[in-house]
Amino acid sequence: MVGALAGILVCAVGYWRLVFALRNAWDVPAFPPGNGLYWLAWGLPLGAVATIGTTVFVTWQGARPAAGGFTAGCLFMGLAMCAFGYSVDSMPYYR
């Protein structure tokens, strides 16, 4: 439970900053959304969390509850933020 809450908190605080830093570094336009670099900027941090979290979960027996909870919390929060960010980025299409 504590691991999941920590994952949600870390994602809520750092995910937006990281995504926008990647988008600025790669000169990815916010509109129109949907090109490859756009999705890579949103997905790369979540892929890194999934890879590191799964590795820690598998290799460190004592940290399984915390690592699993942190990874799951961070990924679910990140996916929700990604969906919200995509809807905001695609708002100019709606009239």
PDB file of N, CA and C in Angstrom:
ATOM      1  N   MET A   1       0.817  -1.189   0.000  1.00  0.00           N
ATOM      2  CA  MET A   1       0.000   0.000   0.000  1.00  0.00           C
ATOM      3  C   MET A   1       0.867   1.261   0.000  1.00  0.00           C
ATOM      4  N   VAL A   2       1.880   1.271   0.845  1.00  0.00           N
ATOM      5  CA  VAL A   2       2.770   2.430   0.914  1.00  0.00           C
ATOM      6  C   VAL A   2       3.555   2.573  -0.389  1.00  0.00           C
ATOM      7  N   GLY A   3       3.964   1.458  -0.972  1.00  0.00           N
ATOM      8  CA  GLY A   3       4.684   1.502  -2.240  1.00  0.00           C
ATOM      9  C   GLY A   3       3.839   2.094  -3.346  1.00  0.00           C
ATOM     10  N   ALA A   4       2.556   1.709  -3.400  1.00  0.00           N
ATOM     11  CA  ALA A   4       1.666   2.234  -4.430  1.00  0.00           C
ATOM     12  C   ALA A   4       1.436   3.739  -4.242  1.00  0.00           C
ATOM     13  N   LEU A   5       1.246   4.162  -3.007  1.00  0.00           N
ATOM     14  CA  LEU A   5       1.069   5.592  -2.746  1.00  0.00           C
ATOM     15  C   LEU A   5       2.328   6.376  -3.103  1.00  0.00           C
ATOM     16  N   ALA A   6       3.490   5.806  -2.811  1.00  0.00           N
ATOM     17  CA  ALA A   6       4.747   6.467  -3.180  1.00  0.00           C
ATOM     18  C   ALA A   6       4.882   6.553  -4.700  1.00  0.00           C
ATOM     19  N   GLY A   7       4.499   5.498  -5.418  1.00  0.00           N
ATOM     20  CA  GLY A   7       4.546   5.519  -6.878  1.00  0.00           C
ATOM     21  C   GLY A   7       3.622   6.562  -7.464  1.00  0.00           C
ATOM     22  N   ILE A   8       2.430   6.688  -6.900  1.00  0.00           N
ATOM     23  CA  ILE A   8       1.482   7.697  -7.364  1.00  0.00           C
ATOM     24  C   ILE A   8       2.039   9.095  -7.110  1.00  0.00           C
ATOM     25  N   LEU A   9       2.584   9.306  -5.927  1.00  0.00           N
ATOM     26  CA  LEU A   9       3.124  10.618  -5.581  1.00  0.00           C
ATOM     27  C   LEU A   9       4.319  10.997  -6.458  1.00  0.00           C
ATOM     28  N   VAL A  10       5.235  10.068  -6.645  1.00  0.00           N
ATOM     29  CA  VAL A  10       6.411  10.342  -7.480  1.00  0.00           C
ATOM     30  C   VAL A  10       5.987  10.635  -8.914  1.00  0.00           C
ATOM     31  N   CYS A  11       5.046   9.880  -9.421  1.00  0.00           N
ATOM     32  CA  CYS A  11       4.587  10.107 -10.790  1.00  0.00           C
ATOM     33  C   CYS A  11       3.865  11.443 -10.910  1.00  0.00           C
ATOM     34  N   ALA A  12       3.030  11.749  -9.933  1.00  0.00           N
ATOM     35  CA  ALA A  12       2.283  13.006  -9.978  1.00  0.00           C
ATOM     36  C   ALA A  12       3.207  14.217  -9.929  1.00  0.00           C
ATOM     37  N   VAL A  13       4.309  14.102  -9.212  1.00  0.00           N
ATOM     38  CA  VAL A  13       5.227  15.230  -9.068  1.00  0.00           C
ATOM     39  C   VAL A  13       6.203  15.330 -10.246  1.00  0.00           C
ATOM     40  N   GLY A  14       6.703  14.207 -10.731  1.00  0.00           N
ATOM     41  CA  GLY A  14       7.779  14.262 -11.701  1.00  0.00           C
ATOM     42  C   GLY A  14       7.459  13.936 -13.143  1.00  0.00           C
ATOM     43  N   TYR A  15       6.317  13.288 -13.402  1.00  0.00           N
ATOM     44  CA  TYR A  15       6.054  12.804 -14.758  1.00  0.00           C
ATOM     45  C   TYR A  15       5.830  13.940 -15.754  1.00  0.00           C
ATOM     46  N   TRP A  16       5.012  14.947 -15.379  1.00  0.00           N
ATOM     47  CA  TRP A  16       4.771  16.068 -16.295  1.00  0.00           C
ATOM     48  C   TRP A  16       6.070  16.763 -16.668  1.00  0.00           C
ATOM     49  N   ARG A  17       6.886  17.026 -15.659  1.00  0.00           N
ATOM     50  CA  ARG A  17       8.154  17.735 -15.908  1.00  0.00           C
ATOM     51  C   ARG A  17       9.043  16.958 -16.858  1.00  0.00           C
ATOM     52  N   LEU A  18       9.131  15.656 -16.646  1.00  0.00           N
ATOM     53  CA  LEU A  18       9.987  14.833 -17.491  1.00  0.00           C
ATOM     54  C   LEU A  18       9.459  14.765 -18.920  1.00  0.00           C
ATOM     55  N   VAL A  19       8.165  14.592 -19.077  1.00  0.00           N
ATOM     56  CA  VAL A  19       7.581  14.520 -20.421  1.00  0.00           C
ATOM     57  C   VAL A  19       7.802  15.829 -21.173  1.00  0.00           C
ATOM     58  N   PHE A  20       7.542  16.951 -20.502  1.00  0.00           N
ATOM     59  CA  PHE A  20       7.706  18.240 -21.183  1.00  0.00           C
ATOM     60  C   PHE A  20       9.177  18.565 -21.424  1.00  0.00           C
ATOM     61  N   ALA A  21      10.060  18.101 -20.563  1.00  0.00           N
ATOM     62  CA  ALA A  21      11.493  18.285 -20.814  1.00  0.00           C
ATOM     63  C   ALA A  21      11.921  17.483 -22.045  1.00  0.00           C
ATOM     64  N   LEU A  22      11.431  16.256 -22.176  1.00  0.00           N
ATOM     65  CA  LEU A  22      11.746  15.456 -23.366  1.00  0.00           C
ATOM     66  C   LEU A  22      11.149  16.086 -24.625  1.00  0.00           C
ATOM     67  N   ARG A  23       9.914  16.566 -24.529  1.00  0.00           N
ATOM     68  CA  ARG A  23       9.294  17.194 -25.696  1.00  0.00           C
ATOM     69  C   ARG A  23      10.027  18.466 -26.104  1.00  0.00           C
ATOM     70  N   ASN A  24      10.497  19.233 -25.144  1.00  0.00           N
ATOM     71  CA  ASN A  24      11.273  20.442 -25.466  1.00  0.00           C
ATOM     72  C   ASN A  24      12.636  20.087 -26.044  1.00  0.00           C
ATOM     73  N   ALA A  25      13.276  19.078 -25.499  1.00  0.00           N
ATOM     74  CA  ALA A  25      14.603  18.676 -25.988  1.00  0.00           C
ATOM     75  C   ALA A  25      14.535  18.142 -27.408  1.00  0.00           C
ATOM     76  N   TRP A  26      13.453  17.455 -27.746  1.00  0.00           N
ATOM     77  CA  TRP A  26      13.305  16.867 -29.066  1.00  0.00           C
ATOM     78  C   TRP A  26      12.506  17.756 -30.017  1.00  0.00           C
ATOM     79  N   ASP A  27      12.096  18.944 -29.588  1.00  0.00           N
ATOM     80  CA  ASP A  27      11.279  19.871 -30.386  1.00  0.00           C
ATOM     81  C   ASP A  27      10.017  19.211 -30.929  1.00  0.00           C
ATOM     82  N   VAL A  28       9.298  18.540 -30.043  1.00  0.00           N
ATOM     83  CA  VAL A  28       8.057  17.872 -30.416  1.00  0.00           C
ATOM     84  C   VAL A  28       6.909  18.864 -30.267  1.00  0.00           C
ATOM     85  N   PRO A  29       6.161  19.126 -31.337  1.00  0.00           N
ATOM     86  CA  PRO A  29       5.030  20.061 -31.206  1.00  0.00           C
ATOM     87  C   PRO A  29       3.885  19.419 -30.434  1.00  0.00           C
ATOM     88  N   ALA A  30       3.197  20.237 -29.659  1.00  0.00           N
ATOM     89  CA  ALA A  30       2.050  19.740 -28.896  1.00  0.00           C
ATOM     90  C   ALA A  30       0.845  19.513 -29.796  1.00  0.00           C
ATOM     91  N   PHE A  31       0.797  20.259 -30.898  1.00  0.00           N
ATOM     92  CA  PHE A  31      -0.333  20.114 -31.803  1.00  0.00           C
ATOM     93  C   PHE A  31       0.175  20.020 -33.227  1.00  0.00           C
ATOM     94  N   PRO A  32      -0.195  19.113 -34.032  1.00  0.00           N
ATOM     95  CA  PRO A  32      -1.111  18.027 -33.742  1.00  0.00           C
ATOM     96  C   PRO A  32      -0.389  16.875 -33.028  1.00  0.00           C
ATOM     97  N   PRO A  33      -1.018  16.282 -32.035  1.00  0.00           N
ATOM     98  CA  PRO A  33      -0.395  15.170 -31.308  1.00  0.00           C
ATOM     99  C   PRO A  33      -0.448  13.886 -32.124  1.00  0.00           C
ATOM    100  N   GLY A  34       0.411  12.975 -31.797  1.00  0.00           N
ATOM    101  CA  GLY A  34       0.302  11.659 -32.389  1.00  0.00           C
ATOM    102  C   GLY A  34       1.475  11.173 -33.194  1.00  0.00           C
ATOM    103  N   ASN A  35       2.524  11.980 -33.401  1.00  0.00           N
ATOM    104  CA  ASN A  35       3.657  11.439 -34.149  1.00  0.00           C
ATOM    105  C   ASN A  35       4.504  10.550 -33.235  1.00  0.00           C
ATOM    106  N   GLY A  36       5.517   9.929 -33.787  1.00  0.00           N
ATOM    107  CA  GLY A  36       6.311   8.971 -33.032  1.00  0.00           C
ATOM    108  C   GLY A  36       7.048   9.567 -31.851  1.00  0.00           C
ATOM    109  N   LEU A  37       7.679  10.723 -32.039  1.00  0.00           N
ATOM    110  CA  LEU A  37       8.402  11.348 -30.925  1.00  0.00           C
ATOM    111  C   LEU A  37       7.458  11.811 -29.827  1.00  0.00           C
ATOM    112  N   TYR A  38       6.260  12.208 -30.203  1.00  0.00           N
ATOM    113  CA  TYR A  38       5.255  12.605 -29.212  1.00  0.00           C
ATOM    114  C   TYR A  38       4.965  11.442 -28.265  1.00  0.00           C
ATOM    115  N   TRP A  39       4.694  10.283 -28.844  1.00  0.00           N
ATOM    116  CA  TRP A  39       4.381   9.121 -28.007  1.00  0.00           C
ATOM    117  C   TRP A  39       5.613   8.579 -27.298  1.00  0.00           C
ATOM    118  N   LEU A  40       6.786   8.735 -27.896  1.00  0.00           N
ATOM    119  CA  LEU A  40       8.012   8.305 -27.223  1.00  0.00           C
ATOM    120  C   LEU A  40       8.267   9.150 -25.981  1.00  0.00           C
ATOM    121  N   ALA A  41       7.995  10.451 -26.063  1.00  0.00           N
ATOM    122  CA  ALA A  41       8.170  11.322 -24.895  1.00  0.00           C
ATOM    123  C   ALA A  41       7.223  10.925 -23.768  1.00  0.00           C
ATOM    124  N   TRP A  42       6.013  10.515 -24.091  1.00  0.00           N
ATOM    125  CA  TRP A  42       5.079  10.065 -23.061  1.00  0.00           C
ATOM    126  C   TRP A  42       5.404   8.666 -22.565  1.00  0.00           C
ATOM    127  N   GLY A  43       5.862   7.797 -23.444  1.00  0.00           N
ATOM    128  CA  GLY A  43       6.059   6.394 -23.078  1.00  0.00           C
ATOM    129  C   GLY A  43       7.405   6.038 -22.504  1.00  0.00           C
ATOM    130  N   LEU A  44       8.440   6.781 -22.848  1.00  0.00           N
ATOM    131  CA  LEU A  44       9.789   6.450 -22.375  1.00  0.00           C
ATOM    132  C   LEU A  44       9.904   6.439 -20.852  1.00  0.00           C
ATOM    133  N   PRO A  45       9.385   7.442 -20.143  1.00  0.00           N
ATOM    134  CA  PRO A  45       9.474   7.380 -18.677  1.00  0.00           C
ATOM    135  C   PRO A  45       8.709   6.194 -18.085  1.00  0.00           C
ATOM    136  N   LEU A  46       7.554   5.875 -18.658  1.00  0.00           N
ATOM    137  CA  LEU A  46       6.786   4.738 -18.150  1.00  0.00           C
ATOM    138  C   LEU A  46       7.482   3.420 -18.452  1.00  0.00           C
ATOM    139  N   GLY A  47       8.126   3.336 -19.604  1.00  0.00           N
ATOM    140  CA  GLY A  47       8.901   2.140 -19.922  1.00  0.00           C
ATOM    141  C   GLY A  47      10.092   1.956 -18.999  1.00  0.00           C
ATOM    142  N   ALA A  48      10.730   3.067 -18.641  1.00  0.00           N
ATOM    143  CA  ALA A  48      11.859   2.990 -17.704  1.00  0.00           C
ATOM    144  C   ALA A  48      11.398   2.539 -16.326  1.00  0.00           C
ATOM    145  N   VAL A  49      10.271   3.077 -15.859  1.00  0.00           N
ATOM    146  CA  VAL A  49       9.739   2.653 -14.556  1.00  0.00           C
ATOM    147  C   VAL A  49       9.354   1.180 -14.593  1.00  0.00           C
ATOM    148  N   ALA A  50       8.721   0.738 -15.667  1.00  0.00           N
ATOM    149  CA  ALA A  50       8.328  -0.664 -15.783  1.00  0.00           C
ATOM    150  C   ALA A  50       9.544  -1.587 -15.803  1.00  0.00           C
ATOM    151  N   THR A  51      10.574  -1.209 -16.536  1.00  0.00           N
ATOM    152  CA  THR A  51      11.772  -2.043 -16.624  1.00  0.00           C
ATOM    153  C   THR A  51      12.508  -2.119 -15.292  1.00  0.00           C
ATOM    154  N   ILE A  52      12.741  -0.970 -14.678  1.00  0.00           N
ATOM    155  CA  ILE A  52      13.470  -0.951 -13.408  1.00  0.00           C
ATOM    156  C   ILE A  52      12.635  -1.600 -12.308  1.00  0.00           C
ATOM    157  N   GLY A  53      11.343  -1.285 -12.259  1.00  0.00           N
ATOM    158  CA  GLY A  53      10.478  -1.873 -11.238  1.00  0.00           C
ATOM    159  C   GLY A  53      10.377  -3.383 -11.356  1.00  0.00           C
ATOM    160  N   THR A  54      10.261  -3.898 -12.565  1.00  0.00           N
ATOM    161  CA  THR A  54      10.201  -5.341 -12.766  1.00  0.00           C
ATOM    162  C   THR A  54      11.518  -5.998 -12.389  1.00  0.00           C
ATOM    163  N   THR A  55      12.624  -5.369 -12.727  1.00  0.00           N
ATOM    164  CA  THR A  55      13.938  -5.918 -12.367  1.00  0.00           C
ATOM    165  C   THR A  55      14.111  -5.977 -10.856  1.00  0.00           C
ATOM    166  N   VAL A  56      13.748  -4.910 -10.170  1.00  0.00           N
ATOM    167  CA  VAL A  56      13.854  -4.901  -8.704  1.00  0.00           C
ATOM    168  C   VAL A  56      12.901  -5.927  -8.102  1.00  0.00           C
ATOM    169  N   PHE A  57      11.696  -6.035  -8.629  1.00  0.00           N
ATOM    170  CA  PHE A  57      10.714  -6.996  -8.133  1.00  0.00           C
ATOM    171  C   PHE A  57      11.228  -8.425  -8.253  1.00  0.00           C
ATOM    172  N   VAL A  58      11.855  -8.738  -9.365  1.00  0.00           N
ATOM    173  CA  VAL A  58      12.320 -10.110  -9.607  1.00  0.00           C
ATOM    174  C   VAL A  58      13.576 -10.435  -8.806  1.00  0.00           C
ATOM    175  N   THR A  59      14.495  -9.483  -8.710  1.00  0.00           N
ATOM    176  CA  THR A  59      15.796  -9.795  -8.113  1.00  0.00           C
ATOM    177  C   THR A  59      15.867  -9.585  -6.605  1.00  0.00           C
ATOM    178  N   TRP A  60      15.077  -8.705  -6.052  1.00  0.00           N
ATOM    179  CA  TRP A  60      15.189  -8.371  -4.632  1.00  0.00           C
ATOM    180  C   TRP A  60      13.958  -8.901  -3.900  1.00  0.00           C
ATOM    181  N   GLN A  61      14.121 -10.071  -3.272  1.00  0.00           N
ATOM    182  CA  GLN A  61      13.002 -10.760  -2.630  1.00  0.00           C
ATOM    183  C   GLN A  61      12.331  -9.926  -1.537  1.00  0.00           C
ATOM    184  N   GLY A  62      13.107  -9.226  -0.733  1.00  0.00           N
ATOM    185  CA  GLY A  62      12.555  -8.470   0.382  1.00  0.00           C
ATOM    186  C   GLY A  62      11.800  -7.225  -0.026  1.00  0.00           C
ATOM    187  N   ALA A  63      12.048  -6.763  -1.228  1.00  0.00           N
ATOM    188  CA  ALA A  63      11.425  -5.518  -1.678  1.00  0.00           C
ATOM    189  C   ALA A  63      10.238  -5.756  -2.601  1.00  0.00           C
ATOM    190  N   ARG A  64       9.794  -6.993  -2.730  1.00  0.00           N
ATOM    191  CA  ARG A  64       8.720  -7.286  -3.684  1.00  0.00           C
ATOM    192  C   ARG A  64       7.441  -6.498  -3.434  1.00  0.00           C
ATOM    193  N   PRO A  65       6.929  -6.439  -2.220  1.00  0.00           N
ATOM    194  CA  PRO A  65       5.685  -5.670  -2.042  1.00  0.00           C
ATOM    195  C   PRO A  65       5.853  -4.186  -2.376  1.00  0.00           C
ATOM    196  N   ALA A  66       6.938  -3.602  -1.919  1.00  0.00           N
ATOM    197  CA  ALA A  66       7.161  -2.175  -2.179  1.00  0.00           C
ATOM    198  C   ALA A  66       7.435  -1.915  -3.654  1.00  0.00           C
ATOM    199  N   ALA A  67       8.270  -2.733  -4.271  1.00  0.00           N
ATOM    200  CA  ALA A  67       8.604  -2.533  -5.690  1.00  0.00           C
ATOM    201  C   ALA A  67       7.389  -2.763  -6.580  1.00  0.00           C
ATOM    202  N   GLY A  68       6.625  -3.795  -6.289  1.00  0.00           N
ATOM    203  CA  GLY A  68       5.433  -4.063  -7.083  1.00  0.00           C
ATOM    204  C   GLY A  68       4.391  -2.969  -6.932  1.00  0.00           C
ATOM    205  N   GLY A  69       4.185  -2.522  -5.711  1.00  0.00           N
ATOM    206  CA  GLY A  69       3.226  -1.446  -5.479  1.00  0.00           C
ATOM    207  C   GLY A  69       3.663  -0.144  -6.103  1.00  0.00           C
ATOM    208  N   PHE A  70       4.940   0.197  -5.948  1.00  0.00           N
ATOM    209  CA  PHE A  70       5.462   1.426  -6.538  1.00  0.00           C
ATOM    210  C   PHE A  70       5.319   1.398  -8.048  1.00  0.00           C
ATOM    211  N   THR A  71       5.710   0.295  -8.657  1.00  0.00           N
ATOM    212  CA  THR A  71       5.644   0.180 -10.115  1.00  0.00           C
ATOM    213  C   THR A  71       4.205   0.273 -10.609  1.00  0.00           C
ATOM    214  N   ALA A  72       3.308  -0.456  -9.977  1.00  0.00           N
ATOM    215  CA  ALA A  72       1.908  -0.437 -10.398  1.00  0.00           C
ATOM    216  C   ALA A  72       1.291   0.946 -10.193  1.00  0.00           C
ATOM    217  N   GLY A  73       1.534   1.552  -9.045  1.00  0.00           N
ATOM    218  CA  GLY A  73       0.983   2.889  -8.784  1.00  0.00           C
ATOM    219  C   GLY A  73       1.493   3.928  -9.758  1.00  0.00           C
ATOM    220  N   CYS A  74       2.792   3.883 -10.019  1.00  0.00           N
ATOM    221  CA  CYS A  74       3.390   4.850 -10.934  1.00  0.00           C
ATOM    222  C   CYS A  74       2.889   4.639 -12.363  1.00  0.00           C
ATOM    223  N   LEU A  75       2.771   3.394 -12.796  1.00  0.00           N
ATOM    224  CA  LEU A  75       2.313   3.131 -14.157  1.00  0.00           C
ATOM    225  C   LEU A  75       0.852   3.517 -14.357  1.00  0.00           C
ATOM    226  N   PHE A  76      -0.008   3.193 -13.402  1.00  0.00           N
ATOM    227  CA  PHE A  76      -1.416   3.560 -13.544  1.00  0.00           C
ATOM    228  C   PHE A  76      -1.599   5.072 -13.522  1.00  0.00           C
ATOM    229  N   MET A  77      -0.896   5.740 -12.631  1.00  0.00           N
ATOM    230  CA  MET A  77      -0.984   7.199 -12.576  1.00  0.00           C
ATOM    231  C   MET A  77      -0.425   7.809 -13.868  1.00  0.00           C
ATOM    232  N   GLY A  78       0.692   7.273 -14.357  1.00  0.00           N
ATOM    233  CA  GLY A  78       1.285   7.772 -15.592  1.00  0.00           C
ATOM    234  C   GLY A  78       0.378   7.569 -16.793  1.00  0.00           C
ATOM    235  N   LEU A  79      -0.288   6.427 -16.868  1.00  0.00           N
ATOM    236  CA  LEU A  79      -1.215   6.193 -17.977  1.00  0.00           C
ATOM    237  C   LEU A  79      -2.398   7.145 -17.917  1.00  0.00           C
ATOM    238  N   ALA A  80      -2.891   7.413 -16.719  1.00  0.00           N
ATOM    239  CA  ALA A  80      -3.988   8.381 -16.574  1.00  0.00           C
ATOM    240  C   ALA A  80      -3.527   9.775 -16.979  1.00  0.00           C
ATOM    241  N   MET A  81      -2.328  10.156 -16.580  1.00  0.00           N
ATOM    242  CA  MET A  81      -1.805  11.473 -16.949  1.00  0.00           C
ATOM    243  C   MET A  81      -1.543  11.555 -18.445  1.00  0.00           C
ATOM    244  N   CYS A  82      -1.121  10.461 -19.040  1.00  0.00           N
ATOM    245  CA  CYS A  82      -0.896  10.422 -20.487  1.00  0.00           C
ATOM    246  C   CYS A  82      -2.218  10.608 -21.231  1.00  0.00           C
ATOM    247  N   ALA A  83      -3.261   9.930 -20.791  1.00  0.00           N
ATOM    248  CA  ALA A  83      -4.566  10.081 -21.428  1.00  0.00           C
ATOM    249  C   ALA A  83      -5.090  11.507 -21.282  1.00  0.00           C
ATOM    250  N   PHE A  84      -4.922  12.092 -20.109  1.00  0.00           N
ATOM    251  CA  PHE A  84      -5.360  13.466 -19.891  1.00  0.00           C
ATOM    252  C   PHE A  84      -4.536  14.431 -20.749  1.00  0.00           C
ATOM    253  N   GLY A  85      -3.228  14.228 -20.799  1.00  0.00           N
ATOM    254  CA  GLY A  85      -2.363  15.090 -21.602  1.00  0.00           C
ATOM    255  C   GLY A  85      -2.679  15.015 -23.083  1.00  0.00           C
ATOM    256  N   TYR A  86      -2.976  13.817 -23.570  1.00  0.00           N
ATOM    257  CA  TYR A  86      -3.348  13.669 -24.979  1.00  0.00           C
ATOM    258  C   TYR A  86      -4.664  14.384 -25.268  1.00  0.00           C
ATOM    259  N   SER A  87      -5.611  14.281 -24.340  1.00  0.00           N
ATOM    260  CA  SER A  87      -6.891  14.960 -24.575  1.00  0.00           C
ATOM    261  C   SER A  87      -6.719  16.475 -24.578  1.00  0.00           C
ATOM    262  N   VAL A  88      -5.832  16.990 -23.730  1.00  0.00           N
ATOM    263  CA  VAL A  88      -5.577  18.433 -23.729  1.00  0.00           C
ATOM    264  C   VAL A  88      -4.858  18.841 -25.013  1.00  0.00           C
ATOM    265  N   ASP A  89      -3.877  18.043 -25.440  1.00  0.00           N
ATOM    266  CA  ASP A  89      -3.139  18.373 -26.658  1.00  0.00           C
ATOM    267  C   ASP A  89      -4.009  18.306 -27.909  1.00  0.00           C
ATOM    268  N   SER A  90      -5.028  17.473 -27.892  1.00  0.00           N
ATOM    269  CA  SER A  90      -5.864  17.350 -29.082  1.00  0.00           C
ATOM    270  C   SER A  90      -7.120  18.212 -29.015  1.00  0.00           C
ATOM    271  N   MET A  91      -7.245  19.061 -28.019  1.00  0.00           N
ATOM    272  CA  MET A  91      -8.414  19.949 -27.917  1.00  0.00           C
ATOM    273  C   MET A  91      -8.597  20.890 -29.113  1.00  0.00           C
ATOM    274  N   PRO A  92      -7.536  21.391 -29.752  1.00  0.00           N
ATOM    275  CA  PRO A  92      -7.773  22.255 -30.917  1.00  0.00           C
ATOM    276  C   PRO A  92      -8.526  21.573 -32.047  1.00  0.00           C
ATOM    277  N   TYR A  93      -8.572  20.220 -32.068  1.00  0.00           N
ATOM    278  CA  TYR A  93      -9.340  19.523 -33.095  1.00  0.00           C
ATOM    279  C   TYR A  93     -10.835  19.636 -32.836  1.00  0.00           C
ATOM    280  N   TYR A  94     -11.222  19.844 -31.585  1.00  0.00           N
ATOM    281  CA  TYR A  94     -12.645  19.891 -31.235  1.00  0.00           C
ATOM    282  C   TYR A  94     -13.170  21.306 -31.445  1.00  0.00           C
ATOM    283  N   ARG A  95     -14.312  21.414 -32.066  1.00  0.00           N
ATOM    284  CA  ARG A  95     -14.914  22.728 -32.292  1.00  0.00           C
ATOM    285  C   ARG A  95     -16.302  22.764 -31.746  1.00  0.00           C
TER     286      ARG A  95
END
